[in-house]
Amino acid sequence: MEISAIAKATSAALEKQAEPVNPDKGLVDKFSQLMQQGVQETSSLSGLVGLSPINGSSVGISAEQAIESQKVVTRALVEVDLVAKTAGSLSQSINKLVTMQ
């Protein structure tokens, strides 16, 4: 593919104008209701994780708390992956030794 073809495709994509969107009032209300439900679930999740909400705020957890929770989950995933790989390597080595004798 040539660069000129990519340039034409890019310019054609950029020239397209987005249509104005007039959302339905019922859909907007439903979306707002679902977003509020998500805040309540986040608040209950922060209780499970052991994090306290921000000073009297109705929002679930702060950005720092979310990043800390993500760090804990990521570390746990890496540790589980490492243990699984080590166990797999160990069982493979044992199988090789058993089949050699």
PDB file of N, CA and C in Angstrom:
ATOM      1  N   MET A   1       0.846  -1.168   0.000  1.00  0.00           N
ATOM      2  CA  MET A   1       0.000   0.000   0.000  1.00  0.00           C
ATOM      3  C   MET A   1       0.894   1.235   0.000  1.00  0.00           C
ATOM      4  N   GLU A   2       0.553   2.185  -0.823  1.00  0.00           N
ATOM      5  CA  GLU A   2       1.358   3.387  -0.938  1.00  0.00           C
ATOM      6  C   GLU A   2       0.903   4.444   0.060  1.00  0.00           C
ATOM      7  N   ILE A   3       1.794   5.365   0.341  1.00  0.00           N
ATOM      8  CA  ILE A   3       1.487   6.431   1.292  1.00  0.00           C
ATOM      9  C   ILE A   3       0.396   7.341   0.739  1.00  0.00           C
ATOM     10  N   SER A   4       0.359   7.532  -0.568  1.00  0.00           N
ATOM     11  CA  SER A   4      -0.672   8.392  -1.149  1.00  0.00           C
ATOM     12  C   SER A   4      -2.063   7.796  -0.936  1.00  0.00           C
ATOM     13  N   ALA A   5      -2.175   6.481  -0.986  1.00  0.00           N
ATOM     14  CA  ALA A   5      -3.471   5.840  -0.742  1.00  0.00           C
ATOM     15  C   ALA A   5      -3.891   6.030   0.705  1.00  0.00           C
ATOM     16  N   ILE A   6      -2.933   5.940   1.607  1.00  0.00           N
ATOM     17  CA  ILE A   6      -3.240   6.152   3.028  1.00  0.00           C
ATOM     18  C   ILE A   6      -3.642   7.602   3.259  1.00  0.00           C
ATOM     19  N   ALA A   7      -2.943   8.531   2.593  1.00  0.00           N
ATOM     20  CA  ALA A   7      -3.272   9.950   2.744  1.00  0.00           C
ATOM     21  C   ALA A   7      -4.669  10.247   2.231  1.00  0.00           C
ATOM     22  N   LYS A   8      -5.054   9.643   1.105  1.00  0.00           N
ATOM     23  CA  LYS A   8      -6.406   9.851   0.569  1.00  0.00           C
ATOM     24  C   LYS A   8      -7.457   9.292   1.518  1.00  0.00           C
ATOM     25  N   ALA A   9      -7.215   8.115   2.062  1.00  0.00           N
ATOM     26  CA  ALA A   9      -8.172   7.507   2.980  1.00  0.00           C
ATOM     27  C   ALA A   9      -8.302   8.337   4.253  1.00  0.00           C
ATOM     28  N   THR A  10      -7.188   8.850   4.730  1.00  0.00           N
ATOM     29  CA  THR A  10      -7.215   9.667   5.941  1.00  0.00           C
ATOM     30  C   THR A  10      -7.941  10.973   5.700  1.00  0.00           C
ATOM     31  N   SER A  11      -7.669  11.624   4.586  1.00  0.00           N
ATOM     32  CA  SER A  11      -8.338  12.898   4.300  1.00  0.00           C
ATOM     33  C   SER A  11      -9.836  12.687   4.087  1.00  0.00           C
ATOM     34  N   ALA A  12     -10.223  11.567   3.472  1.00  0.00           N
ATOM     35  CA  ALA A  12     -11.642  11.283   3.286  1.00  0.00           C
ATOM     36  C   ALA A  12     -12.331  11.049   4.623  1.00  0.00           C
ATOM     37  N   ALA A  13     -11.641  10.393   5.528  1.00  0.00           N
ATOM     38  CA  ALA A  13     -12.225  10.134   6.849  1.00  0.00           C
ATOM     39  C   ALA A  13     -12.354  11.422   7.653  1.00  0.00           C
ATOM     40  N   LEU A  14     -11.384  12.313   7.523  1.00  0.00           N
ATOM     41  CA  LEU A  14     -11.421  13.572   8.261  1.00  0.00           C
ATOM     42  C   LEU A  14     -12.451  14.543   7.708  1.00  0.00           C
ATOM     43  N   GLU A  15     -12.763  14.438   6.415  1.00  0.00           N
ATOM     44  CA  GLU A  15     -13.709  15.349   5.797  1.00  0.00           C
ATOM     45  C   GLU A  15     -15.157  15.054   6.178  1.00  0.00           C
ATOM     46  N   LYS A  16     -15.421  13.838   6.598  1.00  0.00           N
ATOM     47  CA  LYS A  16     -16.788  13.483   6.967  1.00  0.00           C
ATOM     48  C   LYS A  16     -17.214  14.292   8.185  1.00  0.00           C
ATOM     49  N   GLN A  17     -18.383  14.873   8.086  1.00  0.00           N
ATOM     50  CA  GLN A  17     -18.927  15.662   9.183  1.00  0.00           C
ATOM     51  C   GLN A  17     -19.823  14.782  10.045  1.00  0.00           C
ATOM     52  N   ALA A  18     -19.707  14.941  11.340  1.00  0.00           N
ATOM     53  CA  ALA A  18     -20.549  14.174  12.255  1.00  0.00           C
ATOM     54  C   ALA A  18     -21.941  14.805  12.297  1.00  0.00           C
ATOM     55  N   GLU A  19     -22.943  13.953  12.308  1.00  0.00           N
ATOM     56  CA  GLU A  19     -24.312  14.434  12.396  1.00  0.00           C
ATOM     57  C   GLU A  19     -24.609  14.853  13.830  1.00  0.00           C
ATOM     58  N   PRO A  20     -25.374  15.927  13.999  1.00  0.00           N
ATOM     59  CA  PRO A  20     -25.754  16.291  15.362  1.00  0.00           C
ATOM     60  C   PRO A  20     -26.700  15.237  15.936  1.00  0.00           C
ATOM     61  N   VAL A  21     -26.494  14.922  17.188  1.00  0.00           N
ATOM     62  CA  VAL A  21     -27.286  13.884  17.839  1.00  0.00           C
ATOM     63  C   VAL A  21     -28.281  14.537  18.778  1.00  0.00           C
ATOM     64  N   ASN A  22     -29.531  14.168  18.634  1.00  0.00           N
ATOM     65  CA  ASN A  22     -30.573  14.635  19.536  1.00  0.00           C
ATOM     66  C   ASN A  22     -31.070  13.431  20.318  1.00  0.00           C
ATOM     67  N   PRO A  23     -30.498  13.198  21.513  1.00  0.00           N
ATOM     68  CA  PRO A  23     -30.866  12.000  22.254  1.00  0.00           C
ATOM     69  C   PRO A  23     -32.277  12.065  22.805  1.00  0.00           C
ATOM     70  N   ASP A  24     -32.854  10.915  22.953  1.00  0.00           N
ATOM     71  CA  ASP A  24     -34.188  10.788  23.518  1.00  0.00           C
ATOM     72  C   ASP A  24     -34.110  11.069  25.020  1.00  0.00           C
ATOM     73  N   LYS A  25     -35.050  11.859  25.538  1.00  0.00           N
ATOM     74  CA  LYS A  25     -35.043  12.230  26.951  1.00  0.00           C
ATOM     75  C   LYS A  25     -35.130  10.987  27.848  1.00  0.00           C
ATOM     76  N   GLY A  26     -35.903  10.001  27.440  1.00  0.00           N
ATOM     77  CA  GLY A  26     -36.033   8.775  28.220  1.00  0.00           C
ATOM     78  C   GLY A  26     -34.716   8.022  28.306  1.00  0.00           C
ATOM     79  N   LEU A  27     -33.972   7.990  27.193  1.00  0.00           N
ATOM     80  CA  LEU A  27     -32.672   7.318  27.192  1.00  0.00           C
ATOM     81  C   LEU A  27     -31.663   8.047  28.078  1.00  0.00           C
ATOM     82  N   VAL A  28     -31.723   9.376  28.066  1.00  0.00           N
ATOM     83  CA  VAL A  28     -30.817  10.160  28.905  1.00  0.00           C
ATOM     84  C   VAL A  28     -31.114   9.894  30.376  1.00  0.00           C
ATOM     85  N   ASP A  29     -32.403   9.858  30.733  1.00  0.00           N
ATOM     86  CA  ASP A  29     -32.784   9.572  32.119  1.00  0.00           C
ATOM     87  C   ASP A  29     -32.353   8.167  32.524  1.00  0.00           C
ATOM     88  N   LYS A  30     -32.538   7.202  31.643  1.00  0.00           N
ATOM     89  CA  LYS A  30     -32.146   5.825  31.928  1.00  0.00           C
ATOM     90  C   LYS A  30     -30.632   5.736  32.134  1.00  0.00           C
ATOM     91  N   PHE A  31     -29.863   6.425  31.288  1.00  0.00           N
ATOM     92  CA  PHE A  31     -28.412   6.438  31.414  1.00  0.00           C
ATOM     93  C   PHE A  31     -27.990   7.055  32.747  1.00  0.00           C
ATOM     94  N   SER A  32     -28.606   8.167  33.123  1.00  0.00           N
ATOM     95  CA  SER A  32     -28.287   8.814  34.392  1.00  0.00           C
ATOM     96  C   SER A  32     -28.593   7.905  35.566  1.00  0.00           C
ATOM     97  N   GLN A  33     -29.703   7.199  35.481  1.00  0.00           N
ATOM     98  CA  GLN A  33     -30.078   6.276  36.542  1.00  0.00           C
ATOM     99  C   GLN A  33     -29.054   5.138  36.655  1.00  0.00           C
ATOM    100  N   LEU A  34     -28.624   4.600  35.520  1.00  0.00           N
ATOM    101  CA  LEU A  34     -27.629   3.532  35.534  1.00  0.00           C
ATOM    102  C   LEU A  34     -26.292   4.031  36.069  1.00  0.00           C
ATOM    103  N   MET A  35     -25.932   5.269  35.773  1.00  0.00           N
ATOM    104  CA  MET A  35     -24.677   5.810  36.286  1.00  0.00           C
ATOM    105  C   MET A  35     -24.737   5.959  37.798  1.00  0.00           C
ATOM    106  N   GLN A  36     -25.871   6.367  38.337  1.00  0.00           N
ATOM    107  CA  GLN A  36     -26.020   6.476  39.782  1.00  0.00           C
ATOM    108  C   GLN A  36     -25.942   5.106  40.440  1.00  0.00           C
ATOM    109  N   GLN A  37     -26.493   4.105  39.780  1.00  0.00           N
ATOM    110  CA  GLN A  37     -26.424   2.739  40.289  1.00  0.00           C
ATOM    111  C   GLN A  37     -24.966   2.296  40.359  1.00  0.00           C
ATOM    112  N   GLY A  38     -24.167   2.681  39.366  1.00  0.00           N
ATOM    113  CA  GLY A  38     -22.747   2.340  39.356  1.00  0.00           C
ATOM    114  C   GLY A  38     -22.011   2.973  40.522  1.00  0.00           C
ATOM    115  N   VAL A  39     -22.384   4.193  40.904  1.00  0.00           N
ATOM    116  CA  VAL A  39     -21.746   4.865  42.036  1.00  0.00           C
ATOM    117  C   VAL A  39     -22.045   4.105  43.315  1.00  0.00           C
ATOM    118  N   GLN A  40     -23.267   3.632  43.463  1.00  0.00           N
ATOM    119  CA  GLN A  40     -23.632   2.878  44.660  1.00  0.00           C
ATOM    120  C   GLN A  40     -22.847   1.569  44.718  1.00  0.00           C
ATOM    121  N   GLU A  41     -22.706   0.901  43.579  1.00  0.00           N
ATOM    122  CA  GLU A  41     -21.948  -0.352  43.552  1.00  0.00           C
ATOM    123  C   GLU A  41     -20.479  -0.107  43.843  1.00  0.00           C
ATOM    124  N   THR A  42     -19.940   1.017  43.371  1.00  0.00           N
ATOM    125  CA  THR A  42     -18.553   1.354  43.648  1.00  0.00           C
ATOM    126  C   THR A  42     -18.361   1.617  45.135  1.00  0.00           C
ATOM    127  N   SER A  43     -19.345   2.259  45.756  1.00  0.00           N
ATOM    128  CA  SER A  43     -19.260   2.508  47.194  1.00  0.00           C
ATOM    129  C   SER A  43     -19.239   1.203  47.969  1.00  0.00           C
ATOM    130  N   SER A  44     -20.086   0.260  47.568  1.00  0.00           N
ATOM    131  CA  SER A  44     -20.098  -1.022  48.267  1.00  0.00           C
ATOM    132  C   SER A  44     -18.819  -1.805  47.981  1.00  0.00           C
ATOM    133  N   LEU A  45     -18.253  -1.657  46.789  1.00  0.00           N
ATOM    134  CA  LEU A  45     -16.993  -2.317  46.463  1.00  0.00           C
ATOM    135  C   LEU A  45     -15.860  -1.778  47.314  1.00  0.00           C
ATOM    136  N   SER A  46     -15.862  -0.471  47.548  1.00  0.00           N
ATOM    137  CA  SER A  46     -14.800   0.102  48.377  1.00  0.00           C
ATOM    138  C   SER A  46     -14.894  -0.428  49.800  1.00  0.00           C
ATOM    139  N   GLY A  47     -16.092  -0.737  50.264  1.00  0.00           N
ATOM    140  CA  GLY A  47     -16.242  -1.344  51.587  1.00  0.00           C
ATOM    141  C   GLY A  47     -15.663  -2.745  51.613  1.00  0.00           C
ATOM    142  N   LEU A  48     -15.842  -3.491  50.539  1.00  0.00           N
ATOM    143  CA  LEU A  48     -15.307  -4.843  50.476  1.00  0.00           C
ATOM    144  C   LEU A  48     -13.780  -4.845  50.409  1.00  0.00           C
ATOM    145  N   VAL A  49     -13.233  -3.886  49.678  1.00  0.00           N
ATOM    146  CA  VAL A  49     -11.788  -3.819  49.507  1.00  0.00           C
ATOM    147  C   VAL A  49     -11.125  -3.288  50.773  1.00  0.00           C
ATOM    148  N   GLY A  50     -11.894  -2.588  51.600  1.00  0.00           N
ATOM    149  CA  GLY A  50     -11.345  -2.059  52.839  1.00  0.00           C
ATOM    150  C   GLY A  50     -10.897  -0.622  52.712  1.00  0.00           C
ATOM    151  N   LEU A  51     -11.399   0.064  51.715  1.00  0.00           N
ATOM    152  CA  LEU A  51     -11.040   1.459  51.524  1.00  0.00           C
ATOM    153  C   LEU A  51     -12.184   2.336  52.011  1.00  0.00           C
ATOM    154  N   SER A  52     -11.844   3.418  52.661  1.00  0.00           N
ATOM    155  CA  SER A  52     -12.886   4.321  53.136  1.00  0.00           C
ATOM    156  C   SER A  52     -13.156   5.367  52.076  1.00  0.00           C
ATOM    157  N   PRO A  53     -14.430   5.762  51.911  1.00  0.00           N
ATOM    158  CA  PRO A  53     -14.735   6.776  50.914  1.00  0.00           C
ATOM    159  C   PRO A  53     -14.129   8.130  51.286  1.00  0.00           C
ATOM    160  N   ILE A  54     -14.084   9.010  50.301  1.00  0.00           N
ATOM    161  CA  ILE A  54     -13.532  10.348  50.505  1.00  0.00           C
ATOM    162  C   ILE A  54     -14.408  11.093  51.510  1.00  0.00           C
ATOM    163  N   ASN A  55     -13.875  12.080  52.172  1.00  0.00           N
ATOM    164  CA  ASN A  55     -14.532  12.846  53.220  1.00  0.00           C
ATOM    165  C   ASN A  55     -15.996  13.147  52.923  1.00  0.00           C
ATOM    166  N   GLY A  56     -16.892  12.273  53.283  1.00  0.00           N
ATOM    167  CA  GLY A  56     -18.323  12.502  53.153  1.00  0.00           C
ATOM    168  C   GLY A  56     -18.813  12.605  51.725  1.00  0.00           C
ATOM    169  N   SER A  57     -18.017  12.259  50.770  1.00  0.00           N
ATOM    170  CA  SER A  57     -18.409  12.379  49.375  1.00  0.00           C
ATOM    171  C   SER A  57     -19.318  11.225  48.988  1.00  0.00           C
ATOM    172  N   SER A  58     -20.239  11.480  48.061  1.00  0.00           N
ATOM    173  CA  SER A  58     -21.133  10.415  47.608  1.00  0.00           C
ATOM    174  C   SER A  58     -20.475   9.554  46.540  1.00  0.00           C
ATOM    175  N   VAL A  59     -19.336   9.998  46.027  1.00  0.00           N
ATOM    176  CA  VAL A  59     -18.611   9.226  45.024  1.00  0.00           C
ATOM    177  C   VAL A  59     -17.944   8.055  45.722  1.00  0.00           C
ATOM    178  N   GLY A  60     -17.859   6.914  45.049  1.00  0.00           N
ATOM    179  CA  GLY A  60     -17.356   5.694  45.653  1.00  0.00           C
ATOM    180  C   GLY A  60     -15.961   5.796  46.220  1.00  0.00           C
ATOM    181  N   ILE A  61     -14.936   5.804  45.384  1.00  0.00           N
ATOM    182  CA  ILE A  61     -13.560   5.820  45.861  1.00  0.00           C
ATOM    183  C   ILE A  61     -12.786   6.869  45.080  1.00  0.00           C
ATOM    184  N   SER A  62     -11.700   7.322  45.674  1.00  0.00           N
ATOM    185  CA  SER A  62     -10.886   8.334  45.008  1.00  0.00           C
ATOM    186  C   SER A  62     -10.003   7.678  43.954  1.00  0.00           C
ATOM    187  N   ALA A  63      -9.361   8.498  43.175  1.00  0.00           N
ATOM    188  CA  ALA A  63      -8.471   7.986  42.129  1.00  0.00           C
ATOM    189  C   ALA A  63      -7.289   7.244  42.744  1.00  0.00           C
ATOM    190  N   GLU A  64      -6.768   7.765  43.851  1.00  0.00           N
ATOM    191  CA  GLU A  64      -5.638   7.103  44.504  1.00  0.00           C
ATOM    192  C   GLU A  64      -6.044   5.722  45.021  1.00  0.00           C
ATOM    193  N   GLN A  65      -7.247   5.637  45.590  1.00  0.00           N
ATOM    194  CA  GLN A  65      -7.732   4.364  46.095  1.00  0.00           C
ATOM    195  C   GLN A  65      -7.966   3.376  44.957  1.00  0.00           C
ATOM    196  N   ALA A  66      -8.481   3.874  43.835  1.00  0.00           N
ATOM    197  CA  ALA A  66      -8.714   3.003  42.682  1.00  0.00           C
ATOM    198  C   ALA A  66      -7.400   2.474  42.135  1.00  0.00           C
ATOM    199  N   ILE A  67      -6.394   3.333  42.062  1.00  0.00           N
ATOM    200  CA  ILE A  67      -5.093   2.902  41.557  1.00  0.00           C
ATOM    201  C   ILE A  67      -4.455   1.906  42.519  1.00  0.00           C
ATOM    202  N   GLU A  68      -4.609   2.147  43.825  1.00  0.00           N
ATOM    203  CA  GLU A  68      -4.069   1.216  44.813  1.00  0.00           C
ATOM    204  C   GLU A  68      -4.752  -0.143  44.687  1.00  0.00           C
ATOM    205  N   SER A  69      -6.073  -0.146  44.503  1.00  0.00           N
ATOM    206  CA  SER A  69      -6.799  -1.411  44.325  1.00  0.00           C
ATOM    207  C   SER A  69      -6.350  -2.117  43.056  1.00  0.00           C
ATOM    208  N   GLN A  70      -6.163  -1.344  41.977  1.00  0.00           N
ATOM    209  CA  GLN A  70      -5.705  -1.924  40.724  1.00  0.00           C
ATOM    210  C   GLN A  70      -4.308  -2.507  40.887  1.00  0.00           C
ATOM    211  N   LYS A  71      -3.461  -1.836  41.652  1.00  0.00           N
ATOM    212  CA  LYS A  71      -2.107  -2.331  41.887  1.00  0.00           C
ATOM    213  C   LYS A  71      -2.134  -3.650  42.648  1.00  0.00           C
ATOM    214  N   VAL A  72      -3.018  -3.745  43.645  1.00  0.00           N
ATOM    215  CA  VAL A  72      -3.127  -4.969  44.425  1.00  0.00           C
ATOM    216  C   VAL A  72      -3.603  -6.123  43.540  1.00  0.00           C
ATOM    217  N   VAL A  73      -4.617  -5.858  42.719  1.00  0.00           N
ATOM    218  CA  VAL A  73      -5.156  -6.904  41.846  1.00  0.00           C
ATOM    219  C   VAL A  73      -4.113  -7.331  40.817  1.00  0.00           C
ATOM    220  N   THR A  74      -3.417  -6.370  40.230  1.00  0.00           N
ATOM    221  CA  THR A  74      -2.395  -6.694  39.228  1.00  0.00           C
ATOM    222  C   THR A  74      -1.266  -7.503  39.839  1.00  0.00           C
ATOM    223  N   ARG A  75      -0.849  -7.123  41.036  1.00  0.00           N
ATOM    224  CA  ARG A  75       0.221  -7.871  41.701  1.00  0.00           C
ATOM    225  C   ARG A  75      -0.223  -9.302  41.982  1.00  0.00           C
ATOM    226  N   ALA A  76      -1.479  -9.467  42.418  1.00  0.00           N
ATOM    227  CA  ALA A  76      -1.992 -10.810  42.693  1.00  0.00           C
ATOM    228  C   ALA A  76      -2.026 -11.645  41.414  1.00  0.00           C
ATOM    229  N   LEU A  77      -2.430 -11.029  40.306  1.00  0.00           N
ATOM    230  CA  LEU A  77      -2.466 -11.758  39.032  1.00  0.00           C
ATOM    231  C   LEU A  77      -1.074 -12.188  38.601  1.00  0.00           C
ATOM    232  N   VAL A  78      -0.094 -11.306  38.763  1.00  0.00           N
ATOM    233  CA  VAL A  78       1.275 -11.643  38.376  1.00  0.00           C
ATOM    234  C   VAL A  78       1.810 -12.769  39.256  1.00  0.00           C
ATOM    235  N   GLU A  79       1.509 -12.701  40.555  1.00  0.00           N
ATOM    236  CA  GLU A  79       1.981 -13.753  41.459  1.00  0.00           C
ATOM    237  C   GLU A  79       1.352 -15.098  41.120  1.00  0.00           C
ATOM    238  N   VAL A  80       0.056 -15.105  40.817  1.00  0.00           N
ATOM    239  CA  VAL A  80      -0.610 -16.352  40.450  1.00  0.00           C
ATOM    240  C   VAL A  80      -0.028 -16.897  39.156  1.00  0.00           C
ATOM    241  N   ASP A  81       0.220 -16.022  38.194  1.00  0.00           N
ATOM    242  CA  ASP A  81       0.800 -16.447  36.924  1.00  0.00           C
ATOM    243  C   ASP A  81       2.194 -17.033  37.133  1.00  0.00           C
ATOM    244  N   LEU A  82       2.987 -16.404  37.974  1.00  0.00           N
ATOM    245  CA  LEU A  82       4.334 -16.900  38.245  1.00  0.00           C
ATOM    246  C   LEU A  82       4.296 -18.268  38.920  1.00  0.00           C
ATOM    247  N   VAL A  83       3.395 -18.434  39.887  1.00  0.00           N
ATOM    248  CA  VAL A  83       3.273 -19.722  40.574  1.00  0.00           C
ATOM    249  C   VAL A  83       2.819 -20.800  39.593  1.00  0.00           C
ATOM    250  N   ALA A  84       1.867 -20.457  38.707  1.00  0.00           N
ATOM    251  CA  ALA A  84       1.373 -21.434  37.738  1.00  0.00           C
ATOM    252  C   ALA A  84       2.479 -21.850  36.772  1.00  0.00           C
ATOM    253  N   LYS A  85       3.272 -20.889  36.318  1.00  0.00           N
ATOM    254  CA  LYS A  85       4.367 -21.227  35.402  1.00  0.00           C
ATOM    255  C   LYS A  85       5.433 -22.069  36.095  1.00  0.00           C
ATOM    256  N   THR A  86       5.728 -21.741  37.348  1.00  0.00           N
ATOM    257  CA  THR A  86       6.712 -22.517  38.093  1.00  0.00           C
ATOM    258  C   THR A  86       6.226 -23.940  38.317  1.00  0.00           C
ATOM    259  N   ALA A  87       4.962 -24.079  38.696  1.00  0.00           N
ATOM    260  CA  ALA A  87       4.395 -25.415  38.911  1.00  0.00           C
ATOM    261  C   ALA A  87       4.374 -26.207  37.606  1.00  0.00           C
ATOM    262  N   GLY A  88       4.058 -25.570  36.511  1.00  0.00           N
ATOM    263  CA  GLY A  88       4.061 -26.248  35.217  1.00  0.00           C
ATOM    264  C   GLY A  88       5.447 -26.709  34.821  1.00  0.00           C
ATOM    265  N   SER A  89       6.431 -25.857  35.055  1.00  0.00           N
ATOM    266  CA  SER A  89       7.810 -26.225  34.733  1.00  0.00           C
ATOM    267  C   SER A  89       8.283 -27.372  35.613  1.00  0.00           C
ATOM    268  N   LEU A  90       7.927 -27.322  36.889  1.00  0.00           N
ATOM    269  CA  LEU A  90       8.313 -28.388  37.812  1.00  0.00           C
ATOM    270  C   LEU A  90       7.679 -29.716  37.413  1.00  0.00           C
ATOM    271  N   SER A  91       6.394 -29.697  37.098  1.00  0.00           N
ATOM    272  CA  SER A  91       5.734 -30.956  36.708  1.00  0.00           C
ATOM    273  C   SER A  91       6.288 -31.486  35.390  1.00  0.00           C
ATOM    274  N   GLN A  92       6.656 -30.594  34.482  1.00  0.00           N
ATOM    275  CA  GLN A  92       7.251 -31.030  33.224  1.00  0.00           C
ATOM    276  C   GLN A  92       8.609 -31.685  33.473  1.00  0.00           C
ATOM    277  N   SER A  93       9.400 -31.098  34.369  1.00  0.00           N
ATOM    278  CA  SER A  93      10.709 -31.676  34.699  1.00  0.00           C
ATOM    279  C   SER A  93      10.552 -33.047  35.357  1.00  0.00           C
ATOM    280  N   ILE A  94       9.590 -33.164  36.256  1.00  0.00           N
ATOM    281  CA  ILE A  94       9.348 -34.452  36.909  1.00  0.00           C
ATOM    282  C   ILE A  94       8.907 -35.488  35.893  1.00  0.00           C
ATOM    283  N   ASN A  95       8.049 -35.118  34.974  1.00  0.00           N
ATOM    284  CA  ASN A  95       7.599 -36.052  33.933  1.00  0.00           C
ATOM    285  C   ASN A  95       8.765 -36.514  33.063  1.00  0.00           C
ATOM    286  N   LYS A  96       9.689 -35.595  32.746  1.00  0.00           N
ATOM    287  CA  LYS A  96      10.856 -35.971  31.950  1.00  0.00           C
ATOM    288  C   LYS A  96      11.723 -36.984  32.711  1.00  0.00           C
ATOM    289  N   LEU A  97      11.938 -36.726  34.006  1.00  0.00           N
ATOM    290  CA  LEU A  97      12.745 -37.635  34.807  1.00  0.00           C
ATOM    291  C   LEU A  97      12.084 -39.006  34.925  1.00  0.00           C
ATOM    292  N   VAL A  98      10.778 -39.045  35.094  1.00  0.00           N
ATOM    293  CA  VAL A  98      10.074 -40.318  35.242  1.00  0.00           C
ATOM    294  C   VAL A  98      10.141 -41.109  33.955  1.00  0.00           C
ATOM    295  N   THR A  99      10.008 -40.459  32.822  1.00  0.00           N
ATOM    296  CA  THR A  99      10.021 -41.193  31.548  1.00  0.00           C
ATOM    297  C   THR A  99      11.426 -41.629  31.165  1.00  0.00           C
ATOM    298  N   MET A 100      12.461 -41.019  31.713  1.00  0.00           N
ATOM    299  CA  MET A 100      13.826 -41.414  31.416  1.00  0.00           C
ATOM    300  C   MET A 100      14.189 -42.736  32.065  1.00  0.00           C
ATOM    301  N   GLN A 101      13.587 -43.089  33.180  1.00  0.00           N
ATOM    302  CA  GLN A 101      13.980 -44.314  33.889  1.00  0.00           C
ATOM    303  C   GLN A 101      13.202 -45.493  33.448  1.00  0.00           C
TER     304      GLN A 101
END
